[in-house]
């Protein structure tokens, strides 16, 4: 029984370390991805794209450009950011559970 508990504890601690590493990796990825949403505005039949996000109470709009590879790249980066944020939320829940199981 002692051997199996020791093995189980070791597995939980290993999983906790793996989750810590994944969280750190995802947070590094988030640091370089744009935050906010891509907003389009039409002026005289021309569509312009802006990256819109909040800084404190202020809403900031950064000009991205017209529909182009640049706007598609920003759109893909925003989508990637949303996916990473969802994964981080799940990982943080798993991390809390691993900490509880390891007795922390």
C-alpha atoms as a PDB file:
ATOM      1  CA  UNK A   1       0.000   0.000   0.000  1.00  0.00           C
ATOM      2  CA  UNK A   2       2.856   2.405   0.798  1.00  0.00           C
ATOM      3  CA  UNK A   3       4.440   1.768  -2.591  1.00  0.00           C
ATOM      4  CA  UNK A   4       1.218   2.513  -4.476  1.00  0.00           C
ATOM      5  CA  UNK A   5       0.572   5.724  -2.505  1.00  0.00           C
ATOM      6  CA  UNK A   6       4.132   6.831  -3.143  1.00  0.00           C
ATOM      7  CA  UNK A   7       3.720   6.107  -6.845  1.00  0.00           C
ATOM      8  CA  UNK A   8       0.412   7.954  -6.945  1.00  0.00           C
ATOM      9  CA  UNK A   9       1.912  10.963  -5.154  1.00  0.00           C
ATOM     10  CA  UNK A  10       4.836  10.946  -7.557  1.00  0.00           C
ATOM     11  CA  UNK A  11       2.485  10.881 -10.567  1.00  0.00           C
ATOM     12  CA  UNK A  12       0.428  13.777  -9.162  1.00  0.00           C
ATOM     13  CA  UNK A  13       3.577  15.841  -8.521  1.00  0.00           C
ATOM     14  CA  UNK A  14       4.850  15.100 -12.028  1.00  0.00           C
ATOM     15  CA  UNK A  15       1.500  16.160 -13.499  1.00  0.00           C
ATOM     16  CA  UNK A  16       1.590  19.343 -11.409  1.00  0.00           C
ATOM     17  CA  UNK A  17       5.057  20.207 -12.801  1.00  0.00           C
ATOM     18  CA  UNK A  18       3.872  19.475 -16.344  1.00  0.00           C
ATOM     19  CA  UNK A  19       0.888  21.799 -15.868  1.00  0.00           C
ATOM     20  CA  UNK A  20       3.146  24.530 -14.425  1.00  0.00           C
ATOM     21  CA  UNK A  21       5.374  24.307 -17.502  1.00  0.00           C
ATOM     22  CA  UNK A  22       2.392  24.434 -19.864  1.00  0.00           C
ATOM     23  CA  UNK A  23       0.931  27.466 -18.058  1.00  0.00           C
ATOM     24  CA  UNK A  24       4.284  29.282 -18.288  1.00  0.00           C
ATOM     25  CA  UNK A  25       4.580  28.445 -22.004  1.00  0.00           C
ATOM     26  CA  UNK A  26       1.051  29.650 -22.771  1.00  0.00           C
ATOM     27  CA  UNK A  27       1.582  32.868 -20.789  1.00  0.00           C
ATOM     28  CA  UNK A  28       4.737  33.572 -22.834  1.00  0.00           C
ATOM     29  CA  UNK A  29       2.730  33.033 -26.022  1.00  0.00           C
ATOM     30  CA  UNK A  30       0.003  35.417 -24.801  1.00  0.00           C
ATOM     31  CA  UNK A  31       2.569  38.136 -24.138  1.00  0.00           C
ATOM     32  CA  UNK A  32       3.307  38.482 -27.867  1.00  0.00           C
ATOM     33  CA  UNK A  33      -0.232  38.046 -29.221  1.00  0.00           C
ATOM     34  CA  UNK A  34      -2.521  41.061 -29.708  1.00  0.00           C
ATOM     35  CA  UNK A  35      -5.382  41.511 -27.289  1.00  0.00           C
ATOM     36  CA  UNK A  36      -8.832  42.785 -28.152  1.00  0.00           C
ATOM     37  CA  UNK A  37     -10.955  42.390 -31.250  1.00  0.00           C
ATOM     38  CA  UNK A  38     -10.679  43.369 -34.882  1.00  0.00           C
ATOM     39  CA  UNK A  39     -13.285  45.984 -35.777  1.00  0.00           C
ATOM     40  CA  UNK A  40     -14.131  47.144 -39.283  1.00  0.00           C
ATOM     41  CA  UNK A  41     -15.298  50.629 -40.183  1.00  0.00           C
ATOM     42  CA  UNK A  42     -16.600  51.614 -43.603  1.00  0.00           C
ATOM     43  CA  UNK A  43     -15.939  55.127 -44.854  1.00  0.00           C
ATOM     44  CA  UNK A  44     -16.977  56.092 -48.406  1.00  0.00           C
ATOM     45  CA  UNK A  45     -17.203  52.459 -49.561  1.00  0.00           C
ATOM     46  CA  UNK A  46     -13.738  51.666 -48.152  1.00  0.00           C
ATOM     47  CA  UNK A  47     -13.412  49.236 -45.246  1.00  0.00           C
ATOM     48  CA  UNK A  48     -10.705  49.892 -42.666  1.00  0.00           C
ATOM     49  CA  UNK A  49      -9.737  47.558 -39.819  1.00  0.00           C
ATOM     50  CA  UNK A  50      -8.795  48.525 -36.286  1.00  0.00           C
ATOM     51  CA  UNK A  51      -7.578  46.482 -33.342  1.00  0.00           C
ATOM     52  CA  UNK A  52      -9.720  47.558 -30.414  1.00  0.00           C
ATOM     53  CA  UNK A  53      -8.856  46.802 -26.773  1.00  0.00           C
ATOM     54  CA  UNK A  54      -9.074  48.320 -23.305  1.00  0.00           C
ATOM     55  CA  UNK A  55      -6.313  49.904 -21.268  1.00  0.00           C
ATOM     56  CA  UNK A  56      -7.814  50.453 -17.866  1.00  0.00           C
ATOM     57  CA  UNK A  57     -11.042  52.396 -18.432  1.00  0.00           C
ATOM     58  CA  UNK A  58      -9.974  53.653 -21.846  1.00  0.00           C
ATOM     59  CA  UNK A  59     -10.818  51.924 -25.155  1.00  0.00           C
ATOM     60  CA  UNK A  60      -7.916  52.037 -27.599  1.00  0.00           C
ATOM     61  CA  UNK A  61      -8.250  51.608 -31.380  1.00  0.00           C
ATOM     62  CA  UNK A  62      -5.089  50.868 -33.376  1.00  0.00           C
ATOM     63  CA  UNK A  63      -5.246  51.111 -37.137  1.00  0.00           C
ATOM     64  CA  UNK A  64      -4.412  47.785 -38.835  1.00  0.00           C
ATOM     65  CA  UNK A  65      -5.222  48.613 -42.446  1.00  0.00           C
ATOM     66  CA  UNK A  66      -7.538  47.586 -45.249  1.00  0.00           C
ATOM     67  CA  UNK A  67      -8.407  43.935 -45.914  1.00  0.00           C
ATOM     68  CA  UNK A  68      -5.037  42.301 -46.576  1.00  0.00           C
ATOM     69  CA  UNK A  69      -2.683  39.603 -45.387  1.00  0.00           C
ATOM     70  CA  UNK A  70      -1.926  41.832 -42.391  1.00  0.00           C
ATOM     71  CA  UNK A  71      -5.554  41.944 -41.266  1.00  0.00           C
ATOM     72  CA  UNK A  72      -5.907  38.178 -41.803  1.00  0.00           C
ATOM     73  CA  UNK A  73      -2.761  37.611 -39.740  1.00  0.00           C
ATOM     74  CA  UNK A  74      -4.096  39.799 -36.913  1.00  0.00           C
ATOM     75  CA  UNK A  75      -7.444  37.961 -37.081  1.00  0.00           C
ATOM     76  CA  UNK A  76      -5.648  34.604 -36.779  1.00  0.00           C
ATOM     77  CA  UNK A  77      -3.532  35.880 -33.863  1.00  0.00           C
ATOM     78  CA  UNK A  78      -6.643  37.054 -32.008  1.00  0.00           C
ATOM     79  CA  UNK A  79      -8.286  33.660 -32.557  1.00  0.00           C
ATOM     80  CA  UNK A  80      -5.127  31.937 -31.284  1.00  0.00           C
ATOM     81  CA  UNK A  81      -5.175  34.172 -28.209  1.00  0.00           C
ATOM     82  CA  UNK A  82      -8.769  33.138 -27.449  1.00  0.00           C
ATOM     83  CA  UNK A  83      -7.833  29.458 -27.764  1.00  0.00           C
ATOM     84  CA  UNK A  84      -4.839  29.874 -25.452  1.00  0.00           C
ATOM     85  CA  UNK A  85      -6.919  31.763 -22.883  1.00  0.00           C
ATOM     86  CA  UNK A  86      -9.463  28.918 -22.874  1.00  0.00           C
ATOM     87  CA  UNK A  87      -6.679  26.344 -22.436  1.00  0.00           C
ATOM     88  CA  UNK A  88      -5.174  28.388 -19.602  1.00  0.00           C
ATOM     89  CA  UNK A  89      -8.500  28.487 -17.807  1.00  0.00           C
ATOM     90  CA  UNK A  90      -8.740  24.697 -17.985  1.00  0.00           C
ATOM     91  CA  UNK A  91      -5.107  24.222 -16.948  1.00  0.00           C
ATOM     92  CA  UNK A  92      -5.483  26.504 -13.942  1.00  0.00           C
ATOM     93  CA  UNK A  93      -8.426  24.396 -12.777  1.00  0.00           C
ATOM     94  CA  UNK A  94      -6.383  21.214 -13.226  1.00  0.00           C
ATOM     95  CA  UNK A  95      -3.458  22.845 -11.417  1.00  0.00           C
ATOM     96  CA  UNK A  96      -5.650  23.688  -8.421  1.00  0.00           C
ATOM     97  CA  UNK A  97      -6.845  20.086  -8.323  1.00  0.00           C
ATOM     98  CA  UNK A  98      -3.277  18.748  -8.533  1.00  0.00           C
ATOM     99  CA  UNK A  99      -2.214  21.033  -5.691  1.00  0.00           C
ATOM    100  CA  UNK A 100      -5.104  19.821  -3.579  1.00  0.00           C
ATOM    101  CA  UNK A 101      -4.275  16.189  -4.328  1.00  0.00           C
ATOM    102  CA  UNK A 102      -0.597  16.707  -3.488  1.00  0.00           C
ATOM    103  CA  UNK A 103      -1.523  18.234  -0.120  1.00  0.00           C
ATOM    104  CA  UNK A 104      -0.543  21.845  -0.801  1.00  0.00           C
END
